[in-house]
C-alpha cells in the first residue's frame, strides 16, 4: 500500500542477541544496541575520509538484518529503497533472550520477508538467495591478481606499469583505472590531456598483448553540469511526459519527488 506523505514501519522480536547486517558502514561486524545512540541509517553516501569505527552509512545500503544464537537464526528482508532507520534494543525481560528490532522508512510500500531456521545460518542464507536470486559465477579474471589504487595517472603511466609487471615477472591479471582517467571527473569521457584517444588505443593493445584486462570504474555519482551529455540527456528523459504506468527515473530524487538529489562527491 502506498500513501503519499506517510512513513512505514514495523517492529519485531528476534530470539538472538547477536545481530548482523544492514551494511555498508565503517563499523564492527557485530551490530550494537541503539538504546543510547542514534539508530542505524540506511542511505547511500560517498563519505570521503569517512570516520573509522562509526555507524555512518557509506556506498551501499542493504535492508537485510539477521540474528544468530546457539539455537536459532532469524532474518528480516525489509524490501524498501527509501531512506530508513533501524533501531536495535536488547530484551529487558529476564525470561526472554533476544533483540527488539524496528524498521522505519520515509516512504514506499510495506513489503517484508521474515524467515528463520534451527539448522544454522547457512539455511537462512540459502532461503535469502531463493528470494532474491543466487549470484552469478564471477568472470575468471576477477579471481586473479589486481592492481588497483587511486592516483593521478596517464595512459602512458599504465602502459609503463603493465610493461614493468611483465619484465619483472610480477603476476597481474587486471589493471584498474580510478576516476582520474575521466575528463573533469565526468565519467564516460577520457581526459583530453592524460588519456588522448591515440594513447588509449595504444594502452588497449599493450594490455591485450600481455593477456591482461583493463577496468575503467564508473561510480553512480554523475557530474552536475548541463554541458555534460550524461547529465543533460538524463534530465531530458526524466523531464519528458511520463506514461502513468511507466515512470522514468534516471537520477535519484529528493524526498519531495520533484528535484534531483545532489551531494558533494568527486565530480564536484
C-alpha atoms as a PDB file:
ATOM      1  CA  UNK A   1       0.000   0.000   0.000  1.00  0.00           C
ATOM      2  CA  UNK A   2       1.319   3.479  -0.952  1.00  0.00           C
ATOM      3  CA  UNK A   3       0.089   6.594   0.845  1.00  0.00           C
ATOM      4  CA  UNK A   4       1.602   9.973  -0.044  1.00  0.00           C
ATOM      5  CA  UNK A   5       3.217  11.765   2.871  1.00  0.00           C
ATOM      6  CA  UNK A   6       3.325   8.782   5.215  1.00  0.00           C
ATOM      7  CA  UNK A   7       6.226   6.724   6.538  1.00  0.00           C
ATOM      8  CA  UNK A   8       6.038   2.963   7.008  1.00  0.00           C
ATOM      9  CA  UNK A   9       7.458   0.932   9.862  1.00  0.00           C
ATOM     10  CA  UNK A  10       7.224  -2.348  11.708  1.00  0.00           C
ATOM     11  CA  UNK A  11       8.706  -3.830  14.874  1.00  0.00           C
ATOM     12  CA  UNK A  12       9.949  -7.370  15.508  1.00  0.00           C
ATOM     13  CA  UNK A  13      11.415  -9.548  18.208  1.00  0.00           C
ATOM     14  CA  UNK A  14      14.278 -11.875  17.234  1.00  0.00           C
ATOM     15  CA  UNK A  15      15.337 -14.661  19.581  1.00  0.00           C
ATOM     16  CA  UNK A  16      19.011 -13.784  19.321  1.00  0.00           C
ATOM     17  CA  UNK A  17      21.331 -11.281  20.966  1.00  0.00           C
ATOM     18  CA  UNK A  18      23.901 -11.161  18.173  1.00  0.00           C
ATOM     19  CA  UNK A  19      22.712  -9.070  15.230  1.00  0.00           C
ATOM     20  CA  UNK A  20      24.436  -8.603  11.863  1.00  0.00           C
ATOM     21  CA  UNK A  21      23.728  -6.969   8.527  1.00  0.00           C
ATOM     22  CA  UNK A  22      22.241  -3.649   7.239  1.00  0.00           C
ATOM     23  CA  UNK A  23      25.536  -2.699   5.553  1.00  0.00           C
ATOM     24  CA  UNK A  24      27.510  -0.702   4.470  1.00  0.00           C
ATOM     25  CA  UNK A  25      29.353   1.245   7.199  1.00  0.00           C
ATOM     26  CA  UNK A  26      32.925   1.528   8.616  1.00  0.00           C
ATOM     27  CA  UNK A  27      31.959  -0.217  11.830  1.00  0.00           C
ATOM     28  CA  UNK A  28      32.287  -3.517  13.627  1.00  0.00           C
ATOM     29  CA  UNK A  29      30.692  -6.581  12.089  1.00  0.00           C
ATOM     30  CA  UNK A  30      28.520  -7.091  15.178  1.00  0.00           C
ATOM     31  CA  UNK A  31      25.698  -4.548  15.381  1.00  0.00           C
ATOM     32  CA  UNK A  32      25.235  -2.682  18.662  1.00  0.00           C
ATOM     33  CA  UNK A  33      22.189  -1.614  20.615  1.00  0.00           C
ATOM     34  CA  UNK A  34      20.817   1.807  19.660  1.00  0.00           C
ATOM     35  CA  UNK A  35      19.123   2.353  23.017  1.00  0.00           C
ATOM     36  CA  UNK A  36      21.539   5.154  23.954  1.00  0.00           C
ATOM     37  CA  UNK A  37      22.511   6.339  20.468  1.00  0.00           C
ATOM     38  CA  UNK A  38      21.115   7.253  17.062  1.00  0.00           C
ATOM     39  CA  UNK A  39      19.549   4.430  15.036  1.00  0.00           C
ATOM     40  CA  UNK A  40      21.354   2.865  12.115  1.00  0.00           C
ATOM     41  CA  UNK A  41      20.642   4.828   8.937  1.00  0.00           C
ATOM     42  CA  UNK A  42      20.209   3.267   5.512  1.00  0.00           C
ATOM     43  CA  UNK A  43      21.026   5.983   2.976  1.00  0.00           C
ATOM     44  CA  UNK A  44      23.755   5.640   0.365  1.00  0.00           C
ATOM     45  CA  UNK A  45      26.505   8.250   0.586  1.00  0.00           C
ATOM     46  CA  UNK A  46      30.070   8.590  -0.633  1.00  0.00           C
ATOM     47  CA  UNK A  47      31.681   9.762   2.587  1.00  0.00           C
ATOM     48  CA  UNK A  48      35.213  10.756   1.630  1.00  0.00           C
ATOM     49  CA  UNK A  49      37.546  10.444   4.645  1.00  0.00           C
ATOM     50  CA  UNK A  50      34.737   8.693   6.474  1.00  0.00           C
ATOM     51  CA  UNK A  51      35.281   8.267  10.231  1.00  0.00           C
ATOM     52  CA  UNK A  52      36.522   4.835  11.241  1.00  0.00           C
ATOM     53  CA  UNK A  53      34.502   2.788  13.757  1.00  0.00           C
ATOM     54  CA  UNK A  54      31.302   4.727  13.184  1.00  0.00           C
ATOM     55  CA  UNK A  55      27.798   3.867  12.030  1.00  0.00           C
ATOM     56  CA  UNK A  56      27.654   6.473   9.238  1.00  0.00           C
ATOM     57  CA  UNK A  57      26.257   4.977   6.014  1.00  0.00           C
ATOM     58  CA  UNK A  58      28.555   4.520   3.050  1.00  0.00           C
ATOM     59  CA  UNK A  59      28.387   3.398  -0.567  1.00  0.00           C
ATOM     60  CA  UNK A  60      25.563   0.890  -0.324  1.00  0.00           C
ATOM     61  CA  UNK A  61      22.528   0.173   1.827  1.00  0.00           C
ATOM     62  CA  UNK A  62      21.099  -3.329   2.093  1.00  0.00           C
ATOM     63  CA  UNK A  63      17.984  -3.522   4.303  1.00  0.00           C
ATOM     64  CA  UNK A  64      18.692  -7.051   5.451  1.00  0.00           C
ATOM     65  CA  UNK A  65      19.278  -7.984   9.080  1.00  0.00           C
ATOM     66  CA  UNK A  66      19.999 -11.381  10.607  1.00  0.00           C
ATOM     67  CA  UNK A  67      20.212 -12.604  14.194  1.00  0.00           C
ATOM     68  CA  UNK A  68      22.318 -15.546  15.317  1.00  0.00           C
ATOM     69  CA  UNK A  69      22.273 -17.599  18.512  1.00  0.00           C
ATOM     70  CA  UNK A  70      23.386 -21.060  19.579  1.00  0.00           C
ATOM     71  CA  UNK A  71      19.940 -22.486  18.778  1.00  0.00           C
ATOM     72  CA  UNK A  72      18.272 -20.325  16.157  1.00  0.00           C
ATOM     73  CA  UNK A  73      18.929 -17.977  13.208  1.00  0.00           C
ATOM     74  CA  UNK A  74      16.341 -15.478  12.022  1.00  0.00           C
ATOM     75  CA  UNK A  75      16.399 -12.774   9.346  1.00  0.00           C
ATOM     76  CA  UNK A  76      14.386  -9.808   8.111  1.00  0.00           C
ATOM     77  CA  UNK A  77      14.462  -8.630   4.490  1.00  0.00           C
ATOM     78  CA  UNK A  78      12.907  -5.145   4.509  1.00  0.00           C
ATOM     79  CA  UNK A  79      12.081  -4.539   0.836  1.00  0.00           C
ATOM     80  CA  UNK A  80      12.085  -0.751   0.817  1.00  0.00           C
ATOM     81  CA  UNK A  81      14.553   1.515  -1.014  1.00  0.00           C
ATOM     82  CA  UNK A  82      13.581   4.729   0.789  1.00  0.00           C
ATOM     83  CA  UNK A  83      15.746   6.305   3.466  1.00  0.00           C
ATOM     84  CA  UNK A  84      15.315   4.079   6.504  1.00  0.00           C
ATOM     85  CA  UNK A  85      16.232   3.922  10.182  1.00  0.00           C
ATOM     86  CA  UNK A  86      16.807   0.730  12.170  1.00  0.00           C
ATOM     87  CA  UNK A  87      16.651   0.585  15.968  1.00  0.00           C
ATOM     88  CA  UNK A  88      18.008  -2.347  17.978  1.00  0.00           C
ATOM     89  CA  UNK A  89      17.261  -2.911  21.667  1.00  0.00           C
ATOM     90  CA  UNK A  90      18.085  -5.958  23.792  1.00  0.00           C
ATOM     91  CA  UNK A  91      15.159  -7.548  25.571  1.00  0.00           C
ATOM     92  CA  UNK A  92      14.613  -6.222  29.096  1.00  0.00           C
ATOM     93  CA  UNK A  93      12.629  -9.286  30.102  1.00  0.00           C
ATOM     94  CA  UNK A  94      14.626 -11.824  32.092  1.00  0.00           C
ATOM     95  CA  UNK A  95      12.669 -14.716  30.616  1.00  0.00           C
ATOM     96  CA  UNK A  96      13.398 -13.683  27.017  1.00  0.00           C
ATOM     97  CA  UNK A  97      16.823 -13.525  25.413  1.00  0.00           C
ATOM     98  CA  UNK A  98      16.713 -11.621  22.209  1.00  0.00           C
ATOM     99  CA  UNK A  99      16.538  -8.285  20.434  1.00  0.00           C
ATOM    100  CA  UNK A 100      13.742  -5.894  19.569  1.00  0.00           C
ATOM    101  CA  UNK A 101      14.155  -4.593  16.011  1.00  0.00           C
ATOM    102  CA  UNK A 102      12.309  -1.650  14.494  1.00  0.00           C
ATOM    103  CA  UNK A 103      12.441  -0.637  10.811  1.00  0.00           C
ATOM    104  CA  UNK A 104      11.132   2.787   9.784  1.00  0.00           C
ATOM    105  CA  UNK A 105      11.188   4.080   6.180  1.00  0.00           C
ATOM    106  CA  UNK A 106      10.404   7.549   4.850  1.00  0.00           C
ATOM    107  CA  UNK A 107       8.025   6.183   2.254  1.00  0.00           C
ATOM    108  CA  UNK A 108       7.441   3.335  -0.131  1.00  0.00           C
ATOM    109  CA  UNK A 109       5.443   0.152   0.269  1.00  0.00           C
ATOM    110  CA  UNK A 110       5.276  -2.110   3.302  1.00  0.00           C
ATOM    111  CA  UNK A 111       6.889  -5.261   1.951  1.00  0.00           C
ATOM    112  CA  UNK A 112       8.878  -7.556   4.224  1.00  0.00           C
ATOM    113  CA  UNK A 113      10.051 -11.172   4.355  1.00  0.00           C
ATOM    114  CA  UNK A 114      10.825 -12.952   7.628  1.00  0.00           C
ATOM    115  CA  UNK A 115      12.471 -16.340   7.806  1.00  0.00           C
ATOM    116  CA  UNK A 116      14.375 -18.452  10.313  1.00  0.00           C
ATOM    117  CA  UNK A 117      15.992 -21.822  10.879  1.00  0.00           C
ATOM    118  CA  UNK A 118      17.082 -24.188  13.614  1.00  0.00           C
ATOM    119  CA  UNK A 119      19.735 -25.592  11.269  1.00  0.00           C
ATOM    120  CA  UNK A 120      22.203 -22.695  11.282  1.00  0.00           C
ATOM    121  CA  UNK A 121      22.947 -19.547   9.281  1.00  0.00           C
ATOM    122  CA  UNK A 122      23.654 -21.401   6.024  1.00  0.00           C
ATOM    123  CA  UNK A 123      19.997 -22.441   5.825  1.00  0.00           C
ATOM    124  CA  UNK A 124      18.875 -18.830   6.336  1.00  0.00           C
ATOM    125  CA  UNK A 125      21.273 -17.525   3.686  1.00  0.00           C
ATOM    126  CA  UNK A 126      20.028 -20.166   1.264  1.00  0.00           C
ATOM    127  CA  UNK A 127      16.458 -19.010   1.873  1.00  0.00           C
ATOM    128  CA  UNK A 128      17.509 -15.400   1.205  1.00  0.00           C
ATOM    129  CA  UNK A 129      19.112 -16.447  -2.079  1.00  0.00           C
ATOM    130  CA  UNK A 130      15.954 -18.253  -3.123  1.00  0.00           C
ATOM    131  CA  UNK A 131      14.103 -14.997  -2.514  1.00  0.00           C
ATOM    132  CA  UNK A 132      16.495 -12.522  -4.154  1.00  0.00           C
ATOM    133  CA  UNK A 133      18.293 -14.804  -6.600  1.00  0.00           C
ATOM    134  CA  UNK A 134      21.613 -16.638  -6.473  1.00  0.00           C
ATOM    135  CA  UNK A 135      24.690 -14.685  -7.598  1.00  0.00           C
ATOM    136  CA  UNK A 136      26.158 -15.427 -10.996  1.00  0.00           C
ATOM    137  CA  UNK A 137      29.535 -17.075 -11.303  1.00  0.00           C
ATOM    138  CA  UNK A 138      32.227 -14.366 -11.452  1.00  0.00           C
ATOM    139  CA  UNK A 139      34.332 -13.965 -14.614  1.00  0.00           C
ATOM    140  CA  UNK A 140      37.524 -15.969 -14.258  1.00  0.00           C
ATOM    141  CA  UNK A 141      39.809 -12.927 -14.488  1.00  0.00           C
ATOM    142  CA  UNK A 142      38.126 -11.368 -11.441  1.00  0.00           C
ATOM    143  CA  UNK A 143      39.647 -14.153  -9.328  1.00  0.00           C
ATOM    144  CA  UNK A 144      43.174 -13.235 -10.365  1.00  0.00           C
ATOM    145  CA  UNK A 145      45.677 -10.599  -9.225  1.00  0.00           C
ATOM    146  CA  UNK A 146      44.521  -6.974  -9.430  1.00  0.00           C
ATOM    147  CA  UNK A 147      46.387  -3.686  -9.460  1.00  0.00           C
ATOM    148  CA  UNK A 148      44.001  -1.032  -8.179  1.00  0.00           C
ATOM    149  CA  UNK A 149      44.715   2.273  -6.443  1.00  0.00           C
ATOM    150  CA  UNK A 150      43.637   5.872  -6.626  1.00  0.00           C
ATOM    151  CA  UNK A 151      46.331   8.114  -8.064  1.00  0.00           C
ATOM    152  CA  UNK A 152      46.852  10.769 -10.697  1.00  0.00           C
ATOM    153  CA  UNK A 153      47.864   8.861 -13.825  1.00  0.00           C
ATOM    154  CA  UNK A 154      48.038   8.888 -17.608  1.00  0.00           C
ATOM    155  CA  UNK A 155      47.561   6.245 -20.277  1.00  0.00           C
ATOM    156  CA  UNK A 156      51.337   6.162 -20.654  1.00  0.00           C
ATOM    157  CA  UNK A 157      51.712   5.502 -16.910  1.00  0.00           C
ATOM    158  CA  UNK A 158      49.503   2.444 -17.210  1.00  0.00           C
ATOM    159  CA  UNK A 159      51.439   1.236 -20.252  1.00  0.00           C
ATOM    160  CA  UNK A 160      54.651   1.537 -18.209  1.00  0.00           C
ATOM    161  CA  UNK A 161      53.064  -0.283 -15.266  1.00  0.00           C
ATOM    162  CA  UNK A 162      51.967  -3.189 -17.432  1.00  0.00           C
ATOM    163  CA  UNK A 163      55.377  -3.448 -19.093  1.00  0.00           C
ATOM    164  CA  UNK A 164      57.122  -3.329 -15.699  1.00  0.00           C
ATOM    165  CA  UNK A 165      54.917  -6.113 -14.333  1.00  0.00           C
ATOM    166  CA  UNK A 166      55.784  -8.221 -17.373  1.00  0.00           C
ATOM    167  CA  UNK A 167      59.540  -7.567 -17.331  1.00  0.00           C
ATOM    168  CA  UNK A 168      59.763  -8.311 -13.602  1.00  0.00           C
ATOM    169  CA  UNK A 169      57.649 -11.453 -13.795  1.00  0.00           C
ATOM    170  CA  UNK A 170      55.065  -9.980 -11.396  1.00  0.00           C
ATOM    171  CA  UNK A 171      51.680 -11.720 -11.708  1.00  0.00           C
ATOM    172  CA  UNK A 172      48.929  -9.214 -12.543  1.00  0.00           C
ATOM    173  CA  UNK A 173      45.720 -10.088 -14.363  1.00  0.00           C
ATOM    174  CA  UNK A 174      43.692  -6.859 -14.143  1.00  0.00           C
ATOM    175  CA  UNK A 175      44.640  -3.170 -14.038  1.00  0.00           C
ATOM    176  CA  UNK A 176      42.068  -0.671 -12.755  1.00  0.00           C
ATOM    177  CA  UNK A 177      41.647   2.978 -13.705  1.00  0.00           C
ATOM    178  CA  UNK A 178      40.177   5.160 -10.958  1.00  0.00           C
ATOM    179  CA  UNK A 179      38.257   8.370 -11.582  1.00  0.00           C
ATOM    180  CA  UNK A 180      41.336  10.357 -12.622  1.00  0.00           C
ATOM    181  CA  UNK A 181      41.137   8.861 -16.123  1.00  0.00           C
ATOM    182  CA  UNK A 182      37.998  10.931 -16.772  1.00  0.00           C
ATOM    183  CA  UNK A 183      37.629  14.498 -18.027  1.00  0.00           C
ATOM    184  CA  UNK A 184      36.936  16.800 -15.034  1.00  0.00           C
ATOM    185  CA  UNK A 185      35.751  13.757 -13.052  1.00  0.00           C
ATOM    186  CA  UNK A 186      32.888  13.238 -15.516  1.00  0.00           C
ATOM    187  CA  UNK A 187      32.526   9.544 -16.286  1.00  0.00           C
ATOM    188  CA  UNK A 188      32.276   8.215 -19.865  1.00  0.00           C
ATOM    189  CA  UNK A 189      34.744  10.823 -21.156  1.00  0.00           C
ATOM    190  CA  UNK A 190      38.508  10.258 -21.139  1.00  0.00           C
ATOM    191  CA  UNK A 191      40.750  13.103 -20.020  1.00  0.00           C
ATOM    192  CA  UNK A 192      41.680  15.081 -23.121  1.00  0.00           C
ATOM    193  CA  UNK A 193      45.265  15.591 -21.907  1.00  0.00           C
ATOM    194  CA  UNK A 194      46.112  12.475 -19.874  1.00  0.00           C
ATOM    195  CA  UNK A 195      44.154   9.927 -21.917  1.00  0.00           C
ATOM    196  CA  UNK A 196      44.084  11.131 -25.538  1.00  0.00           C
ATOM    197  CA  UNK A 197      42.422   8.558 -27.757  1.00  0.00           C
ATOM    198  CA  UNK A 198      45.640   7.643 -29.579  1.00  0.00           C
ATOM    199  CA  UNK A 199      47.188   6.684 -26.219  1.00  0.00           C
ATOM    200  CA  UNK A 200      44.043   4.827 -25.133  1.00  0.00           C
ATOM    201  CA  UNK A 201      44.200   2.673 -28.277  1.00  0.00           C
ATOM    202  CA  UNK A 202      47.886   2.008 -27.616  1.00  0.00           C
ATOM    203  CA  UNK A 203      47.094   1.119 -23.984  1.00  0.00           C
ATOM    204  CA  UNK A 204      44.434  -1.347 -25.130  1.00  0.00           C
ATOM    205  CA  UNK A 205      46.940  -3.043 -27.399  1.00  0.00           C
ATOM    206  CA  UNK A 206      49.563  -3.332 -24.649  1.00  0.00           C
ATOM    207  CA  UNK A 207      47.003  -4.803 -22.209  1.00  0.00           C
ATOM    208  CA  UNK A 208      45.734  -7.253 -24.820  1.00  0.00           C
ATOM    209  CA  UNK A 209      49.255  -8.371 -25.809  1.00  0.00           C
ATOM    210  CA  UNK A 210      50.027  -9.025 -22.133  1.00  0.00           C
ATOM    211  CA  UNK A 211      46.800 -11.088 -21.843  1.00  0.00           C
ATOM    212  CA  UNK A 212      45.525  -8.806 -19.096  1.00  0.00           C
ATOM    213  CA  UNK A 213      42.235  -6.944 -18.560  1.00  0.00           C
ATOM    214  CA  UNK A 214      41.615  -3.219 -18.071  1.00  0.00           C
ATOM    215  CA  UNK A 215      38.760  -1.835 -15.947  1.00  0.00           C
ATOM    216  CA  UNK A 216      37.547   1.779 -16.023  1.00  0.00           C
ATOM    217  CA  UNK A 217      35.434   2.466 -12.947  1.00  0.00           C
ATOM    218  CA  UNK A 218      32.078   4.222 -13.267  1.00  0.00           C
ATOM    219  CA  UNK A 219      30.595   5.139  -9.886  1.00  0.00           C
ATOM    220  CA  UNK A 220      26.940   6.213  -9.692  1.00  0.00           C
ATOM    221  CA  UNK A 221      27.723   9.883  -8.999  1.00  0.00           C
ATOM    222  CA  UNK A 222      27.112  11.894 -12.183  1.00  0.00           C
ATOM    223  CA  UNK A 223      28.654  15.348 -12.545  1.00  0.00           C
ATOM    224  CA  UNK A 224      26.007  18.090 -12.303  1.00  0.00           C
ATOM    225  CA  UNK A 225      26.839  20.082 -15.413  1.00  0.00           C
ATOM    226  CA  UNK A 226      24.457  20.895 -18.278  1.00  0.00           C
ATOM    227  CA  UNK A 227      27.425  20.698 -20.647  1.00  0.00           C
ATOM    228  CA  UNK A 228      27.972  17.043 -19.658  1.00  0.00           C
ATOM    229  CA  UNK A 229      25.948  14.904 -22.045  1.00  0.00           C
ATOM    230  CA  UNK A 230      25.067  12.219 -19.474  1.00  0.00           C
ATOM    231  CA  UNK A 231      23.526  14.786 -17.115  1.00  0.00           C
ATOM    232  CA  UNK A 232      21.704  16.828 -19.766  1.00  0.00           C
ATOM    233  CA  UNK A 233      20.329  13.805 -21.651  1.00  0.00           C
ATOM    234  CA  UNK A 234      19.308  12.143 -18.388  1.00  0.00           C
ATOM    235  CA  UNK A 235      17.347  15.223 -17.328  1.00  0.00           C
ATOM    236  CA  UNK A 236      15.693  15.417 -20.724  1.00  0.00           C
ATOM    237  CA  UNK A 237      14.459  11.831 -20.410  1.00  0.00           C
ATOM    238  CA  UNK A 238      13.369  12.331 -16.832  1.00  0.00           C
ATOM    239  CA  UNK A 239      11.501  15.597 -17.525  1.00  0.00           C
ATOM    240  CA  UNK A 240       9.652  14.285 -20.571  1.00  0.00           C
ATOM    241  CA  UNK A 241       5.958  13.445 -20.381  1.00  0.00           C
ATOM    242  CA  UNK A 242       5.692  10.180 -18.470  1.00  0.00           C
ATOM    243  CA  UNK A 243       3.158   7.375 -19.012  1.00  0.00           C
ATOM    244  CA  UNK A 244       1.075   6.784 -15.898  1.00  0.00           C
ATOM    245  CA  UNK A 245       2.203   3.180 -15.566  1.00  0.00           C
ATOM    246  CA  UNK A 246       5.846   3.577 -16.674  1.00  0.00           C
ATOM    247  CA  UNK A 247       7.570   6.482 -14.941  1.00  0.00           C
ATOM    248  CA  UNK A 248      11.190   7.031 -15.975  1.00  0.00           C
ATOM    249  CA  UNK A 249      13.527   7.957 -13.122  1.00  0.00           C
ATOM    250  CA  UNK A 250      17.070   8.499 -14.341  1.00  0.00           C
ATOM    251  CA  UNK A 251      18.519  10.123 -11.219  1.00  0.00           C
ATOM    252  CA  UNK A 252      17.871   9.638  -7.519  1.00  0.00           C
ATOM    253  CA  UNK A 253      15.369  12.225  -6.328  1.00  0.00           C
ATOM    254  CA  UNK A 254      14.957  14.141  -3.099  1.00  0.00           C
ATOM    255  CA  UNK A 255      12.086  13.171  -0.773  1.00  0.00           C
ATOM    256  CA  UNK A 256       9.879  15.787  -2.481  1.00  0.00           C
ATOM    257  CA  UNK A 257       9.993  13.590  -5.584  1.00  0.00           C
ATOM    258  CA  UNK A 258      10.451  16.616  -7.824  1.00  0.00           C
ATOM    259  CA  UNK A 259      14.136  17.562  -7.640  1.00  0.00           C
ATOM    260  CA  UNK A 260      17.330  15.568  -8.160  1.00  0.00           C
ATOM    261  CA  UNK A 261      19.413  14.621  -5.125  1.00  0.00           C
ATOM    262  CA  UNK A 262      22.742  16.469  -5.319  1.00  0.00           C
ATOM    263  CA  UNK A 263      25.594  15.549  -2.991  1.00  0.00           C
ATOM    264  CA  UNK A 264      29.207  16.595  -2.590  1.00  0.00           C
ATOM    265  CA  UNK A 265      31.474  13.998  -4.163  1.00  0.00           C
ATOM    266  CA  UNK A 266      34.399  13.563  -6.559  1.00  0.00           C
ATOM    267  CA  UNK A 267      32.710  15.186  -9.579  1.00  0.00           C
ATOM    268  CA  UNK A 268      32.009  18.323  -7.510  1.00  0.00           C
END
